[in-house]
C-alpha atoms as a PDB file:
ATOM      1  CA  MET A   1     -11.450-121.821  72.665  1.00  0.00           C
ATOM      2  CA  GLY A   2     -11.813-120.172  76.066  1.00  0.00           C
ATOM      3  CA  THR A   3     -14.963-118.880  77.653  1.00  0.00           C
ATOM      4  CA  LEU A   4     -17.095-116.896  75.225  1.00  0.00           C
ATOM      5  CA  LYS A   5     -18.373-113.573  76.507  1.00  0.00           C
ATOM      6  CA  ASN A   6     -21.149-111.161  75.715  1.00  0.00           C
ATOM      7  CA  HIS A   7     -18.919-108.223  74.745  1.00  0.00           C
ATOM      8  CA  VAL A   8     -19.640-105.196  72.529  1.00  0.00           C
ATOM      9  CA  GLN A   9     -17.321-102.380  71.441  1.00  0.00           C
ATOM     10  CA  LEU A  10     -18.596 -99.543  69.259  1.00  0.00           C
ATOM     11  CA  ILE A  11     -17.406 -96.161  68.043  1.00  0.00           C
ATOM     12  CA  GLY A  12     -20.100 -93.811  66.827  1.00  0.00           C
ATOM     13  CA  ASN A  13     -21.999 -90.552  67.126  1.00  0.00           C
ATOM     14  CA  VAL A  14     -24.685 -89.803  69.697  1.00  0.00           C
ATOM     15  CA  GLY A  15     -28.052 -89.167  68.003  1.00  0.00           C
ATOM     16  CA  GLN A  16     -29.549 -86.842  70.625  1.00  0.00           C
ATOM     17  CA  ASP A  17     -28.800 -85.650  74.141  1.00  0.00           C
ATOM     18  CA  PRO A  18     -28.990 -88.589  76.571  1.00  0.00           C
ATOM     19  CA  THR A  19     -32.100 -88.936  78.745  1.00  0.00           C
ATOM     20  CA  ILE A  20     -31.143 -88.938  82.433  1.00  0.00           C
ATOM     21  CA  THR A  21     -33.413 -90.556  85.026  1.00  0.00           C
ATOM     22  CA  THR A  22     -32.868 -90.771  88.777  1.00  0.00           C
ATOM     23  CA  LEU A  23     -34.833 -93.706  90.200  1.00  0.00           C
ATOM     24  CA  GLU A  24     -36.524 -93.727  93.627  1.00  0.00           C
ATOM     25  CA  SER A  25     -33.636 -95.868  94.858  1.00  0.00           C
ATOM     26  CA  GLY A  26     -31.255 -93.027  93.949  1.00  0.00           C
ATOM     27  CA  LYS A  27     -29.647 -94.934  91.066  1.00  0.00           C
ATOM     28  CA  VAL A  28     -28.909 -92.884  87.947  1.00  0.00           C
ATOM     29  CA  LEU A  29     -29.965 -94.261  84.547  1.00  0.00           C
ATOM     30  CA  VAL A  30     -29.071 -92.794  81.148  1.00  0.00           C
ATOM     31  CA  ARG A  31     -30.504 -93.792  77.756  1.00  0.00           C
ATOM     32  CA  PHE A  32     -29.353 -92.670  74.315  1.00  0.00           C
ATOM     33  CA  GLN A  33     -28.861 -93.888  70.753  1.00  0.00           C
ATOM     34  CA  LEU A  34     -25.506 -94.330  69.062  1.00  0.00           C
ATOM     35  CA  ALA A  35     -25.083 -94.294  65.270  1.00  0.00           C
ATOM     36  CA  THR A  36     -22.367 -96.380  63.636  1.00  0.00           C
ATOM     37  CA  ASN A  37     -21.502 -96.081  59.952  1.00  0.00           C
ATOM     38  CA  GLU A  38     -20.222 -98.740  57.594  1.00  0.00           C
ATOM     39  CA  HIS A  39     -18.660 -97.787  54.263  1.00  0.00           C
ATOM     40  CA  PHE A  40     -18.365-100.284  51.415  1.00  0.00           C
ATOM     41  CA  LYS A  41     -18.503-100.646  47.632  1.00  0.00           C
ATOM     42  CA  ASN A  42     -21.541-102.219  46.010  1.00  0.00           C
ATOM     43  CA  SER A  43     -21.425-104.728  43.141  1.00  0.00           C
ATOM     44  CA  LYS A  44     -21.020-101.829  40.665  1.00  0.00           C
ATOM     45  CA  GLY A  45     -17.984-100.495  42.545  1.00  0.00           C
ATOM     46  CA  GLU A  46     -19.875 -97.460  43.868  1.00  0.00           C
ATOM     47  CA  ASN A  47     -19.163 -96.175  47.365  1.00  0.00           C
ATOM     48  CA  GLN A  48     -22.034 -96.848  49.752  1.00  0.00           C
ATOM     49  CA  SER A  49     -22.693 -95.955  53.376  1.00  0.00           C
ATOM     50  CA  GLU A  50     -25.029 -97.631  55.846  1.00  0.00           C
ATOM     51  CA  THR A  51     -25.955 -96.320  59.306  1.00  0.00           C
ATOM     52  CA  ASP A  52     -27.080 -98.535  62.182  1.00  0.00           C
ATOM     53  CA  TRP A  53     -28.703 -97.123  65.330  1.00  0.00           C
ATOM     54  CA  HIS A  54     -27.997 -98.822  68.653  1.00  0.00           C
ATOM     55  CA  ASN A  55     -30.028 -98.387  71.861  1.00  0.00           C
ATOM     56  CA  MET A  56     -27.741 -97.648  74.820  1.00  0.00           C
ATOM     57  CA  VAL A  57     -28.338 -97.730  78.557  1.00  0.00           C
ATOM     58  CA  ALA A  58     -25.883 -96.910  81.350  1.00  0.00           C
ATOM     59  CA  TRP A  59     -26.127 -96.986  85.140  1.00  0.00           C
ATOM     60  CA  GLY A  60     -24.350 -95.411  88.092  1.00  0.00           C
ATOM     61  CA  LYS A  61     -20.999 -93.679  87.633  1.00  0.00           C
ATOM     62  CA  VAL A  62     -20.873 -94.317  83.869  1.00  0.00           C
ATOM     63  CA  ALA A  63     -24.386 -92.846  83.543  1.00  0.00           C
ATOM     64  CA  SER A  64     -23.318 -89.742  85.472  1.00  0.00           C
ATOM     65  CA  ILE A  65     -20.277 -89.252  83.218  1.00  0.00           C
ATOM     66  CA  ILE A  66     -22.383 -89.655  80.067  1.00  0.00           C
ATOM     67  CA  GLY A  67     -25.088 -87.342  81.417  1.00  0.00           C
ATOM     68  CA  LYS A  68     -22.534 -84.646  82.223  1.00  0.00           C
ATOM     69  CA  HIS A  69     -20.181 -84.837  79.226  1.00  0.00           C
ATOM     70  CA  VAL A  70     -22.005 -86.440  76.274  1.00  0.00           C
ATOM     71  CA  GLY A  71     -24.448 -84.682  73.970  1.00  0.00           C
ATOM     72  CA  LYS A  72     -25.976 -84.881  70.514  1.00  0.00           C
ATOM     73  CA  GLY A  73     -23.347 -85.310  67.800  1.00  0.00           C
ATOM     74  CA  HIS A  74     -20.500 -86.259  70.141  1.00  0.00           C
ATOM     75  CA  ARG A  75     -18.254 -89.073  68.929  1.00  0.00           C
ATOM     76  CA  ILE A  76     -17.670 -91.696  71.617  1.00  0.00           C
ATOM     77  CA  ALA A  77     -16.365 -95.224  72.058  1.00  0.00           C
ATOM     78  CA  ILE A  78     -18.293 -97.589  74.309  1.00  0.00           C
ATOM     79  CA  GLU A  79     -17.720-101.011  75.747  1.00  0.00           C
ATOM     80  CA  GLY A  80     -20.566-103.073  77.146  1.00  0.00           C
ATOM     81  CA  LYS A  81     -22.828-106.075  76.670  1.00  0.00           C
ATOM     82  CA  LEU A  82     -26.032-106.898  74.795  1.00  0.00           C
ATOM     83  CA  LYS A  83     -29.162-107.253  76.903  1.00  0.00           C
ATOM     84  CA  THR A  84     -32.653-108.136  75.665  1.00  0.00           C
ATOM     85  CA  ARG A  85     -35.665-107.316  77.826  1.00  0.00           C
ATOM     86  CA  SER A  86     -39.433-107.345  77.512  1.00  0.00           C
ATOM     87  CA  TYR A  87     -41.841-104.671  78.645  1.00  0.00           C
ATOM     88  CA  GLU A  88     -45.486-103.680  78.269  1.00  0.00           C
ATOM     89  CA  THR A  89     -46.608-100.394  76.679  1.00  0.00           C
ATOM     90  CA  GLU A  90     -49.239 -98.133  78.218  1.00  0.00           C
ATOM     91  CA  GLN A  91     -51.661 -99.669  75.690  1.00  0.00           C
ATOM     92  CA  GLY A  92     -50.926-103.145  77.069  1.00  0.00           C
ATOM     93  CA  GLU A  93     -48.833-104.336  74.104  1.00  0.00           C
ATOM     94  CA  LYS A  94     -45.856-106.563  74.879  1.00  0.00           C
ATOM     95  CA  ARG A  95     -42.582-105.425  73.314  1.00  0.00           C
ATOM     96  CA  THR A  96     -39.033-106.716  73.271  1.00  0.00           C
ATOM     97  CA  ILE A  97     -35.981-104.496  72.955  1.00  0.00           C
ATOM     98  CA  THR A  98     -32.272-105.223  72.664  1.00  0.00           C
ATOM     99  CA  GLU A  99     -29.998-102.658  74.279  1.00  0.00           C
ATOM    100  CA  ILE A 100     -26.303-102.298  74.924  1.00  0.00           C
ATOM    101  CA  VAL A 101     -25.534-101.889  78.621  1.00  0.00           C
ATOM    102  CA  VAL A 102     -22.537 -99.543  78.671  1.00  0.00           C
ATOM    103  CA  ASN A 103     -19.756-100.418  81.143  1.00  0.00           C
ATOM    104  CA  GLU A 104     -17.138 -97.958  79.842  1.00  0.00           C
ATOM    105  CA  VAL A 105     -17.188 -94.812  77.735  1.00  0.00           C
ATOM    106  CA  LEU A 106     -14.371 -92.912  76.033  1.00  0.00           C
ATOM    107  CA  LEU A 107     -14.973 -89.371  74.789  1.00  0.00           C
ATOM    108  CA  LEU A 108     -13.401 -89.057  71.335  1.00  0.00           C
ATOM    109  CA  ASP A 109     -14.792 -85.700  70.195  1.00  0.00           C
ATOM    110  CA  THR A 110     -12.192 -83.560  71.983  1.00  0.00           C
ATOM    111  CA  LYS A 111     -13.575 -80.257  70.755  1.00  0.00           C
ATOM    112  CA  ASN A 112     -16.929 -80.941  72.462  1.00  0.00           C
ATOM    113  CA  ASN A 113     -16.157 -83.210  75.400  1.00  0.00           C
ATOM    114  CA  THR A 114     -15.596 -80.557  78.061  1.00  0.00           C
ATOM    115  CA  SER A 115     -19.322 -80.056  78.543  1.00  0.00           C
ATOM    116  CA  LYS A 116     -22.585 -81.079  77.015  1.00  0.00           C
ATOM    117  CA  SER A 117     -24.265 -78.590  74.710  1.00  0.00           C
ATOM    118  CA  GLU A 118     -27.219 -76.871  76.348  1.00  0.00           C
ATOM    119  CA  HIS A 119     -30.431 -76.964  74.329  1.00  0.00           C
END
């Protein structure tokens, strides 16, 4: 087996408009959640559906594209890698979060991908 890589590909729907942040350094950062759905039959043969929510983060050019063209409800495909980081809340509690750092995005919802909906 060759070199194993940290590689994630997902297709899903954006849960809410991405949050865009421009850092003091001038770098652009975007955060959003992506929902993926799995459909299966349970032991009784009944159709079931399960939704997973994934925390996404993107930087630079990809962040600018997402910030400009992606909004709540849009269906997108992403490619990226898993990243786990720790941080401290304002109350001093230590937390750990796993995010997907998006390297590429493909807009699949052609009826909505010309511009983000304004809310």
